[in-house]
Amino acid sequence: MSEQPKFKVTIDNITIDVPAGTTILNAARQIGGDVTPPAMCYYSKLEGSGGKCRTCLVEVSKGSEKDPRPMPKLVASCRTTVMDGMEVKSIT
C-alpha cells in the first residue's frame, strides 16, 4: 500500500507537513497555540458541518503552483484543504 502524499503548508510562518486532504483548520490544530483559528460550527464526526459561522476565516496568501487562482483571499479553514506550498495567515 502506498503512503499518502504529504503537503508542506506554512501557517503564521510555521511550516508543517500534513497528509493530502487535511483541512487548514486541522493543520493549524497540529501546530497548536495561537495559530489555531476559532471554530464554532465545525465537528469532524458530523458530515457537512462547518463553514457556516465563518469564525475560522484565514487568509491564504499563496496557493500552490497547480492552482493559479488570485491570492490573497479569505477562506473558511474548516472547509478548505491544504495545497502543497500553501501559505496561510491566521487573522485572529
PDB file of N, CA and C in Angstrom:
ATOM      1  N   MET A   1       0.845  -1.178   0.000  1.00  0.00           N
ATOM      2  CA  MET A   1       0.000   0.000   0.000  1.00  0.00           C
ATOM      3  C   MET A   1       0.890   1.241   0.000  1.00  0.00           C
ATOM      4  N   SER A   2       0.588   2.171  -0.896  1.00  0.00           N
ATOM      5  CA  SER A   2       1.410   3.379  -0.969  1.00  0.00           C
ATOM      6  C   SER A   2       1.000   4.374   0.106  1.00  0.00           C
ATOM      7  N   GLU A   3       1.981   5.107   0.558  1.00  0.00           N
ATOM      8  CA  GLU A   3       1.740   6.102   1.599  1.00  0.00           C
ATOM      9  C   GLU A   3       1.119   7.349   0.982  1.00  0.00           C
ATOM     10  N   GLN A   4       0.207   7.969   1.723  1.00  0.00           N
ATOM     11  CA  GLN A   4      -0.461   9.181   1.250  1.00  0.00           C
ATOM     12  C   GLN A   4       0.564  10.305   1.113  1.00  0.00           C
ATOM     13  N   PRO A   5       0.487  11.081   0.012  1.00  0.00           N
ATOM     14  CA  PRO A   5       1.460  12.163  -0.167  1.00  0.00           C
ATOM     15  C   PRO A   5       1.335  13.220   0.923  1.00  0.00           C
ATOM     16  N   LYS A   6       2.455  13.834   1.248  1.00  0.00           N
ATOM     17  CA  LYS A   6       2.488  14.903   2.252  1.00  0.00           C
ATOM     18  C   LYS A   6       2.594  16.245   1.548  1.00  0.00           C
ATOM     19  N   PHE A   7       1.876  17.220   2.082  1.00  0.00           N
ATOM     20  CA  PHE A   7       1.937  18.584   1.573  1.00  0.00           C
ATOM     21  C   PHE A   7       2.591  19.465   2.614  1.00  0.00           C
ATOM     22  N   LYS A   8       3.403  20.395   2.148  1.00  0.00           N
ATOM     23  CA  LYS A   8       4.055  21.360   3.030  1.00  0.00           C
ATOM     24  C   LYS A   8       3.207  22.625   3.036  1.00  0.00           C
ATOM     25  N   VAL A   9       2.760  23.043   4.216  1.00  0.00           N
ATOM     26  CA  VAL A   9       1.941  24.244   4.356  1.00  0.00           C
ATOM     27  C   VAL A   9       2.559  25.115   5.441  1.00  0.00           C
ATOM     28  N   THR A  10       2.517  26.424   5.246  1.00  0.00           N
ATOM     29  CA  THR A  10       3.051  27.370   6.220  1.00  0.00           C
ATOM     30  C   THR A  10       1.900  28.189   6.781  1.00  0.00           C
ATOM     31  N   ILE A  11       1.731  28.122   8.098  1.00  0.00           N
ATOM     32  CA  ILE A  11       0.678  28.869   8.782  1.00  0.00           C
ATOM     33  C   ILE A  11       1.343  29.792   9.791  1.00  0.00           C
ATOM     34  N   ASP A  12       1.145  31.087   9.639  1.00  0.00           N
ATOM     35  CA  ASP A  12       1.766  32.088  10.517  1.00  0.00           C
ATOM     36  C   ASP A  12       3.268  31.849  10.677  1.00  0.00           C
ATOM     37  N   ASN A  13       3.936  31.635   9.543  1.00  0.00           N
ATOM     38  CA  ASN A  13       5.391  31.445   9.474  1.00  0.00           C
ATOM     39  C   ASN A  13       5.884  30.161  10.126  1.00  0.00           C
ATOM     40  N   ILE A  14       4.998  29.207  10.370  1.00  0.00           N
ATOM     41  CA  ILE A  14       5.384  27.893  10.890  1.00  0.00           C
ATOM     42  C   ILE A  14       5.049  26.870   9.812  1.00  0.00           C
ATOM     43  N   THR A  15       6.053  26.123   9.368  1.00  0.00           N
ATOM     44  CA  THR A  15       5.859  25.152   8.294  1.00  0.00           C
ATOM     45  C   THR A  15       5.647  23.765   8.878  1.00  0.00           C
ATOM     46  N   ILE A  16       4.681  23.046   8.285  1.00  0.00           N
ATOM     47  CA  ILE A  16       4.338  21.707   8.746  1.00  0.00           C
ATOM     48  C   ILE A  16       4.031  20.847   7.528  1.00  0.00           C
ATOM     49  N   ASP A  17       4.340  19.560   7.616  1.00  0.00           N
ATOM     50  CA  ASP A  17       3.977  18.595   6.577  1.00  0.00           C
ATOM     51  C   ASP A  17       2.738  17.851   7.043  1.00  0.00           C
ATOM     52  N   VAL A  18       1.711  17.823   6.195  1.00  0.00           N
ATOM     53  CA  VAL A  18       0.453  17.149   6.535  1.00  0.00           C
ATOM     54  C   VAL A  18       0.019  16.290   5.354  1.00  0.00           C
ATOM     55  N   PRO A  19      -0.766  15.246   5.612  1.00  0.00           N
ATOM     56  CA  PRO A  19      -1.264  14.419   4.506  1.00  0.00           C
ATOM     57  C   PRO A  19      -2.189  15.214   3.587  1.00  0.00           C
ATOM     58  N   ALA A  20      -2.178  14.865   2.312  1.00  0.00           N
ATOM     59  CA  ALA A  20      -3.112  15.472   1.360  1.00  0.00           C
ATOM     60  C   ALA A  20      -4.530  15.256   1.876  1.00  0.00           C
ATOM     61  N   GLY A  21      -5.390  16.247   1.691  1.00  0.00           N
ATOM     62  CA  GLY A  21      -6.769  16.153   2.157  1.00  0.00           C
ATOM     63  C   GLY A  21      -7.002  16.752   3.530  1.00  0.00           C
ATOM     64  N   THR A  22      -5.937  17.157   4.214  1.00  0.00           N
ATOM     65  CA  THR A  22      -6.050  17.785   5.531  1.00  0.00           C
ATOM     66  C   THR A  22      -6.586  19.201   5.376  1.00  0.00           C
ATOM     67  N   THR A  23      -7.516  19.589   6.233  1.00  0.00           N
ATOM     68  CA  THR A  23      -8.012  20.965   6.183  1.00  0.00           C
ATOM     69  C   THR A  23      -6.991  21.907   6.815  1.00  0.00           C
ATOM     70  N   ILE A  24      -7.110  23.169   6.464  1.00  0.00           N
ATOM     71  CA  ILE A  24      -6.241  24.180   7.077  1.00  0.00           C
ATOM     72  C   ILE A  24      -6.449  24.183   8.588  1.00  0.00           C
ATOM     73  N   LEU A  25      -7.699  24.058   9.032  1.00  0.00           N
ATOM     74  CA  LEU A  25      -8.002  24.050  10.467  1.00  0.00           C
ATOM     75  C   LEU A  25      -7.278  22.908  11.173  1.00  0.00           C
ATOM     76  N   ASN A  26      -7.336  21.704  10.617  1.00  0.00           N
ATOM     77  CA  ASN A  26      -6.676  20.570  11.261  1.00  0.00           C
ATOM     78  C   ASN A  26      -5.155  20.683  11.202  1.00  0.00           C
ATOM     79  N   ALA A  27      -4.618  21.278  10.147  1.00  0.00           N
ATOM     80  CA  ALA A  27      -3.171  21.524  10.093  1.00  0.00           C
ATOM     81  C   ALA A  27      -2.774  22.514  11.184  1.00  0.00           C
ATOM     82  N   ALA A  28      -3.576  23.562  11.363  1.00  0.00           N
ATOM     83  CA  ALA A  28      -3.301  24.553  12.413  1.00  0.00           C
ATOM     84  C   ALA A  28      -3.414  23.919  13.794  1.00  0.00           C
ATOM     85  N   ARG A  29      -4.363  23.013  13.966  1.00  0.00           N
ATOM     86  CA  ARG A  29      -4.508  22.325  15.259  1.00  0.00           C
ATOM     87  C   ARG A  29      -3.286  21.468  15.563  1.00  0.00           C
ATOM     88  N   GLN A  30      -2.647  20.917  14.534  1.00  0.00           N
ATOM     89  CA  GLN A  30      -1.425  20.140  14.755  1.00  0.00           C
ATOM     90  C   GLN A  30      -0.294  21.033  15.259  1.00  0.00           C
ATOM     91  N   ILE A  31      -0.267  22.276  14.794  1.00  0.00           N
ATOM     92  CA  ILE A  31       0.731  23.231  15.287  1.00  0.00           C
ATOM     93  C   ILE A  31       0.362  23.667  16.698  1.00  0.00           C
ATOM     94  N   GLY A  32      -0.917  23.997  16.895  1.00  0.00           N
ATOM     95  CA  GLY A  32      -1.423  24.373  18.215  1.00  0.00           C
ATOM     96  C   GLY A  32      -1.200  25.831  18.563  1.00  0.00           C
ATOM     97  N   GLY A  33      -1.578  26.181  19.773  1.00  0.00           N
ATOM     98  CA  GLY A  33      -1.388  27.538  20.277  1.00  0.00           C
ATOM     99  C   GLY A  33      -2.234  28.566  19.565  1.00  0.00           C
ATOM    100  N   ASP A  34      -1.698  29.773  19.456  1.00  0.00           N
ATOM    101  CA  ASP A  34      -2.418  30.892  18.852  1.00  0.00           C
ATOM    102  C   ASP A  34      -2.602  30.748  17.347  1.00  0.00           C
ATOM    103  N   VAL A  35      -1.933  29.795  16.736  1.00  0.00           N
ATOM    104  CA  VAL A  35      -2.057  29.577  15.297  1.00  0.00           C
ATOM    105  C   VAL A  35      -3.445  29.029  14.953  1.00  0.00           C
ATOM    106  N   THR A  36      -4.048  28.295  15.869  1.00  0.00           N
ATOM    107  CA  THR A  36      -5.332  27.647  15.611  1.00  0.00           C
ATOM    108  C   THR A  36      -6.469  28.657  15.599  1.00  0.00           C
ATOM    109  N   PRO A  37      -7.180  28.767  14.467  1.00  0.00           N
ATOM    110  CA  PRO A  37      -8.316  29.695  14.426  1.00  0.00           C
ATOM    111  C   PRO A  37      -9.490  29.141  15.231  1.00  0.00           C
ATOM    112  N   PRO A  38     -10.355  30.014  15.727  1.00  0.00           N
ATOM    113  CA  PRO A  38     -11.538  29.528  16.439  1.00  0.00           C
ATOM    114  C   PRO A  38     -12.481  28.837  15.456  1.00  0.00           C
ATOM    115  N   ALA A  39     -13.274  27.912  15.961  1.00  0.00           N
ATOM    116  CA  ALA A  39     -14.251  27.219  15.111  1.00  0.00           C
ATOM    117  C   ALA A  39     -15.471  26.886  15.958  1.00  0.00           C
ATOM    118  N   MET A  40     -16.607  27.442  15.586  1.00  0.00           N
ATOM    119  CA  MET A  40     -17.826  27.224  16.367  1.00  0.00           C
ATOM    120  C   MET A  40     -18.724  26.136  15.777  1.00  0.00           C
ATOM    121  N   CYS A  41     -18.812  26.031  14.452  1.00  0.00           N
ATOM    122  CA  CYS A  41     -19.794  25.131  13.858  1.00  0.00           C
ATOM    123  C   CYS A  41     -19.184  23.846  13.314  1.00  0.00           C
ATOM    124  N   TYR A  42     -17.878  23.672  13.414  1.00  0.00           N
ATOM    125  CA  TYR A  42     -17.220  22.509  12.830  1.00  0.00           C
ATOM    126  C   TYR A  42     -17.128  21.375  13.839  1.00  0.00           C
ATOM    127  N   TYR A  43     -17.588  20.188  13.417  1.00  0.00           N
ATOM    128  CA  TYR A  43     -17.456  18.974  14.218  1.00  0.00           C
ATOM    129  C   TYR A  43     -17.039  17.870  13.262  1.00  0.00           C
ATOM    130  N   SER A  44     -15.841  17.353  13.418  1.00  0.00           N
ATOM    131  CA  SER A  44     -15.253  16.445  12.434  1.00  0.00           C
ATOM    132  C   SER A  44     -16.079  15.185  12.188  1.00  0.00           C
ATOM    133  N   LYS A  45     -16.827  14.715  13.166  1.00  0.00           N
ATOM    134  CA  LYS A  45     -17.596  13.485  13.004  1.00  0.00           C
ATOM    135  C   LYS A  45     -18.961  13.719  12.356  1.00  0.00           C
ATOM    136  N   LEU A  46     -19.339  14.962  12.179  1.00  0.00           N
ATOM    137  CA  LEU A  46     -20.631  15.291  11.589  1.00  0.00           C
ATOM    138  C   LEU A  46     -20.404  15.776  10.160  1.00  0.00           C
ATOM    139  N   GLU A  47     -20.739  14.921   9.202  1.00  0.00           N
ATOM    140  CA  GLU A  47     -20.507  15.257   7.798  1.00  0.00           C
ATOM    141  C   GLU A  47     -21.303  16.498   7.398  1.00  0.00           C
ATOM    142  N   GLY A  48     -20.653  17.375   6.681  1.00  0.00           N
ATOM    143  CA  GLY A  48     -21.319  18.589   6.217  1.00  0.00           C
ATOM    144  C   GLY A  48     -21.304  19.726   7.215  1.00  0.00           C
ATOM    145  N   SER A  49     -20.719  19.496   8.383  1.00  0.00           N
ATOM    146  CA  SER A  49     -20.654  20.596   9.348  1.00  0.00           C
ATOM    147  C   SER A  49     -19.510  21.522   8.962  1.00  0.00           C
ATOM    148  N   GLY A  50     -19.586  22.714   9.435  1.00  0.00           N
ATOM    149  CA  GLY A  50     -18.509  23.671   9.198  1.00  0.00           C
ATOM    150  C   GLY A  50     -18.765  24.591   8.033  1.00  0.00           C
ATOM    151  N   GLY A  51     -18.099  25.735   8.099  1.00  0.00           N
ATOM    152  CA  GLY A  51     -18.172  26.710   7.031  1.00  0.00           C
ATOM    153  C   GLY A  51     -19.345  27.661   7.106  1.00  0.00           C
ATOM    154  N   LYS A  52     -20.192  27.481   8.087  1.00  0.00           N
ATOM    155  CA  LYS A  52     -21.395  28.304   8.177  1.00  0.00           C
ATOM    156  C   LYS A  52     -21.214  29.539   9.054  1.00  0.00           C
ATOM    157  N   CYS A  53     -20.472  29.411  10.124  1.00  0.00           N
ATOM    158  CA  CYS A  53     -20.358  30.532  11.070  1.00  0.00           C
ATOM    159  C   CYS A  53     -19.264  31.530  10.665  1.00  0.00           C
ATOM    160  N   ARG A  54     -18.303  31.076   9.871  1.00  0.00           N
ATOM    161  CA  ARG A  54     -17.208  31.912   9.356  1.00  0.00           C
ATOM    162  C   ARG A  54     -16.237  32.415  10.433  1.00  0.00           C
ATOM    163  N   THR A  55     -16.284  31.851  11.630  1.00  0.00           N
ATOM    164  CA  THR A  55     -15.334  32.289  12.658  1.00  0.00           C
ATOM    165  C   THR A  55     -13.923  31.771  12.391  1.00  0.00           C
ATOM    166  N   CYS A  56     -13.799  30.775  11.539  1.00  0.00           N
ATOM    167  CA  CYS A  56     -12.484  30.173  11.289  1.00  0.00           C
ATOM    168  C   CYS A  56     -11.810  30.744  10.045  1.00  0.00           C
ATOM    169  N   LEU A  57     -12.240  31.910   9.588  1.00  0.00           N
ATOM    170  CA  LEU A  57     -11.652  32.506   8.386  1.00  0.00           C
ATOM    171  C   LEU A  57     -10.156  32.761   8.559  1.00  0.00           C
ATOM    172  N   VAL A  58      -9.410  32.417   7.520  1.00  0.00           N
ATOM    173  CA  VAL A  58      -7.978  32.690   7.462  1.00  0.00           C
ATOM    174  C   VAL A  58      -7.673  33.290   6.093  1.00  0.00           C
ATOM    175  N   GLU A  59      -6.532  33.931   5.983  1.00  0.00           N
ATOM    176  CA  GLU A  59      -6.112  34.498   4.701  1.00  0.00           C
ATOM    177  C   GLU A  59      -5.103  33.571   4.045  1.00  0.00           C
ATOM    178  N   VAL A  60      -5.442  33.084   2.874  1.00  0.00           N
ATOM    179  CA  VAL A  60      -4.485  32.305   2.087  1.00  0.00           C
ATOM    180  C   VAL A  60      -3.719  33.307   1.237  1.00  0.00           C
ATOM    181  N   SER A  61      -2.442  33.491   1.559  1.00  0.00           N
ATOM    182  CA  SER A  61      -1.639  34.485   0.847  1.00  0.00           C
ATOM    183  C   SER A  61      -0.917  33.887  -0.353  1.00  0.00           C
ATOM    184  N   LYS A  62      -0.816  32.542  -0.383  1.00  0.00           N
ATOM    185  CA  LYS A  62      -0.194  31.861  -1.521  1.00  0.00           C
ATOM    186  C   LYS A  62      -0.789  30.472  -1.624  1.00  0.00           C
ATOM    187  N   GLY A  63      -1.260  30.127  -2.821  1.00  0.00           N
ATOM    188  CA  GLY A  63      -1.764  28.778  -3.066  1.00  0.00           C
ATOM    189  C   GLY A  63      -0.616  27.886  -3.496  1.00  0.00           C
ATOM    190  N   SER A  64      -0.876  27.018  -4.449  1.00  0.00           N
ATOM    191  CA  SER A  64       0.187  26.166  -4.976  1.00  0.00           C
ATOM    192  C   SER A  64       0.438  26.520  -6.432  1.00  0.00           C
ATOM    193  N   GLU A  65       1.497  25.974  -6.979  1.00  0.00           N
ATOM    194  CA  GLU A  65       1.810  26.203  -8.393  1.00  0.00           C
ATOM    195  C   GLU A  65       0.717  25.616  -9.285  1.00  0.00           C
ATOM    196  N   LYS A  66       0.027  24.578  -8.807  1.00  0.00           N
ATOM    197  CA  LYS A  66      -1.020  23.922  -9.592  1.00  0.00           C
ATOM    198  C   LYS A  66      -2.342  24.679  -9.552  1.00  0.00           C
ATOM    199  N   ASP A  67      -2.483  25.637  -8.655  1.00  0.00           N
ATOM    200  CA  ASP A  67      -3.732  26.387  -8.513  1.00  0.00           C
ATOM    201  C   ASP A  67      -3.430  27.878  -8.627  1.00  0.00           C
ATOM    202  N   PRO A  68      -3.543  28.436  -9.824  1.00  0.00           N
ATOM    203  CA  PRO A  68      -3.139  29.830 -10.041  1.00  0.00           C
ATOM    204  C   PRO A  68      -4.203  30.872  -9.695  1.00  0.00           C
ATOM    205  N   ARG A  69      -5.195  30.518  -8.891  1.00  0.00           N
ATOM    206  CA  ARG A  69      -6.234  31.496  -8.543  1.00  0.00           C
ATOM    207  C   ARG A  69      -5.615  32.713  -7.860  1.00  0.00           C
ATOM    208  N   PRO A  70      -6.245  33.866  -8.022  1.00  0.00           N
ATOM    209  CA  PRO A  70      -5.721  35.088  -7.395  1.00  0.00           C
ATOM    210  C   PRO A  70      -5.657  34.974  -5.870  1.00  0.00           C
ATOM    211  N   MET A  71      -4.590  35.467  -5.310  1.00  0.00           N
ATOM    212  CA  MET A  71      -4.395  35.493  -3.863  1.00  0.00           C
ATOM    213  C   MET A  71      -4.023  36.909  -3.492  1.00  0.00           C
ATOM    214  N   PRO A  72      -4.187  37.366  -2.297  1.00  0.00           N
ATOM    215  CA  PRO A  72      -4.719  36.655  -1.135  1.00  0.00           C
ATOM    216  C   PRO A  72      -6.244  36.597  -1.176  1.00  0.00           C
ATOM    217  N   LYS A  73      -6.770  35.640  -0.405  1.00  0.00           N
ATOM    218  CA  LYS A  73      -8.213  35.549  -0.271  1.00  0.00           C
ATOM    219  C   LYS A  73      -8.560  34.920   1.065  1.00  0.00           C
ATOM    220  N   LEU A  74      -9.753  35.245   1.559  1.00  0.00           N
ATOM    221  CA  LEU A  74     -10.232  34.689   2.815  1.00  0.00           C
ATOM    222  C   LEU A  74     -10.974  33.388   2.535  1.00  0.00           C
ATOM    223  N   VAL A  75     -10.695  32.370   3.353  1.00  0.00           N
ATOM    224  CA  VAL A  75     -11.360  31.078   3.215  1.00  0.00           C
ATOM    225  C   VAL A  75     -11.728  30.554   4.595  1.00  0.00           C
ATOM    226  N   ALA A  76     -12.741  29.702   4.639  1.00  0.00           N
ATOM    227  CA  ALA A  76     -13.094  29.005   5.879  1.00  0.00           C
ATOM    228  C   ALA A  76     -12.089  27.871   6.063  1.00  0.00           C
ATOM    229  N   SER A  77     -11.308  27.927   7.118  1.00  0.00           N
ATOM    230  CA  SER A  77     -10.239  26.941   7.312  1.00  0.00           C
ATOM    231  C   SER A  77     -10.775  25.538   7.566  1.00  0.00           C
ATOM    232  N   CYS A  78     -12.016  25.432   8.033  1.00  0.00           N
ATOM    233  CA  CYS A  78     -12.585  24.114   8.315  1.00  0.00           C
ATOM    234  C   CYS A  78     -13.054  23.402   7.051  1.00  0.00           C
ATOM    235  N   ARG A  79     -13.202  24.122   5.943  1.00  0.00           N
ATOM    236  CA  ARG A  79     -13.709  23.548   4.695  1.00  0.00           C
ATOM    237  C   ARG A  79     -12.678  23.551   3.571  1.00  0.00           C
ATOM    238  N   THR A  80     -11.516  24.148   3.801  1.00  0.00           N
ATOM    239  CA  THR A  80     -10.511  24.287   2.749  1.00  0.00           C
ATOM    240  C   THR A  80      -9.344  23.353   3.028  1.00  0.00           C
ATOM    241  N   THR A  81      -9.030  22.499   2.059  1.00  0.00           N
ATOM    242  CA  THR A  81      -7.902  21.585   2.232  1.00  0.00           C
ATOM    243  C   THR A  81      -6.606  22.277   1.816  1.00  0.00           C
ATOM    244  N   VAL A  82      -5.524  21.831   2.419  1.00  0.00           N
ATOM    245  CA  VAL A  82      -4.223  22.426   2.134  1.00  0.00           C
ATOM    246  C   VAL A  82      -3.752  22.028   0.742  1.00  0.00           C
ATOM    247  N   MET A  83      -2.909  22.866   0.171  1.00  0.00           N
ATOM    248  CA  MET A  83      -2.227  22.581  -1.088  1.00  0.00           C
ATOM    249  C   MET A  83      -0.734  22.658  -0.806  1.00  0.00           C
ATOM    250  N   ASP A  84       0.029  21.914  -1.565  1.00  0.00           N
ATOM    251  CA  ASP A  84       1.470  21.910  -1.360  1.00  0.00           C
ATOM    252  C   ASP A  84       2.038  23.301  -1.613  1.00  0.00           C
ATOM    253  N   GLY A  85       2.747  23.832  -0.636  1.00  0.00           N
ATOM    254  CA  GLY A  85       3.347  25.156  -0.743  1.00  0.00           C
ATOM    255  C   GLY A  85       2.445  26.293  -0.300  1.00  0.00           C
ATOM    256  N   MET A  86       1.266  25.971   0.191  1.00  0.00           N
ATOM    257  CA  MET A  86       0.304  26.998   0.614  1.00  0.00           C
ATOM    258  C   MET A  86       0.853  27.804   1.784  1.00  0.00           C
ATOM    259  N   GLU A  87       0.567  29.107   1.776  1.00  0.00           N
ATOM    260  CA  GLU A  87       0.922  29.986   2.892  1.00  0.00           C
ATOM    261  C   GLU A  87      -0.354  30.616   3.427  1.00  0.00           C
ATOM    262  N   VAL A  88      -0.532  30.521   4.748  1.00  0.00           N
ATOM    263  CA  VAL A  88      -1.764  30.956   5.401  1.00  0.00           C
ATOM    264  C   VAL A  88      -1.430  31.917   6.530  1.00  0.00           C
ATOM    265  N   LYS A  89      -2.266  32.941   6.677  1.00  0.00           N
ATOM    266  CA  LYS A  89      -2.149  33.864   7.805  1.00  0.00           C
ATOM    267  C   LYS A  89      -3.433  33.786   8.608  1.00  0.00           C
ATOM    268  N   SER A  90      -3.303  33.496   9.889  1.00  0.00           N
ATOM    269  CA  SER A  90      -4.462  33.500  10.772  1.00  0.00           C
ATOM    270  C   SER A  90      -4.810  34.949  11.071  1.00  0.00           C
ATOM    271  N   ILE A  91      -6.077  35.274  11.063  1.00  0.00           N
ATOM    272  CA  ILE A  91      -6.476  36.665  11.286  1.00  0.00           C
ATOM    273  C   ILE A  91      -7.052  36.868  12.673  1.00  0.00           C
ATOM    274  N   THR A  92      -6.805  35.910  13.568  1.00  0.00           N
ATOM    275  CA  THR A  92      -7.319  36.034  14.937  1.00  0.00           C
ATOM    276  C   THR A  92      -6.308  36.712  15.820  1.00  0.00           C
TER     277      THR A  92
END
